[in-house]
Amino acid sequence: MAQTNVSFEMNEKLLTELQDLCDELGMDTEDAFKLFAKKMVNQQEIPFEVTVDDLPNDDEQSKLVRVLKVTALVAAVAAAITVVVHFIRKCFN
């Protein structure tokens, strides 16, 4: 499978803390991000609860708030579709 590079900015202190934790867990940050990406794709959602305390205190906060709102909307729509499909199957079976 073809590989691609991903690049983004992160608070230096947060990166250092992440690297330290990854070292303790026996992985590197690249493995951690790949694991997160795979889990997110498999579950089709953010695979953990996100609270206001988790949001960064920088320019990215407004972007993340928008992403979280869209994620919540997508989850609500998916849940509604699931209910409708279940209802339709029940009615026609």
Foldseek 3Di string as FASTA:
>chain_A
DDDDDDDDDDDPVVQVVVQVVCVVVPHGVVVVVVVQVVVCVVVVARPDDDDPVNADPDPCRVVVVVVVVVRVVVVVVVVVVVVVVVVVVVVVD
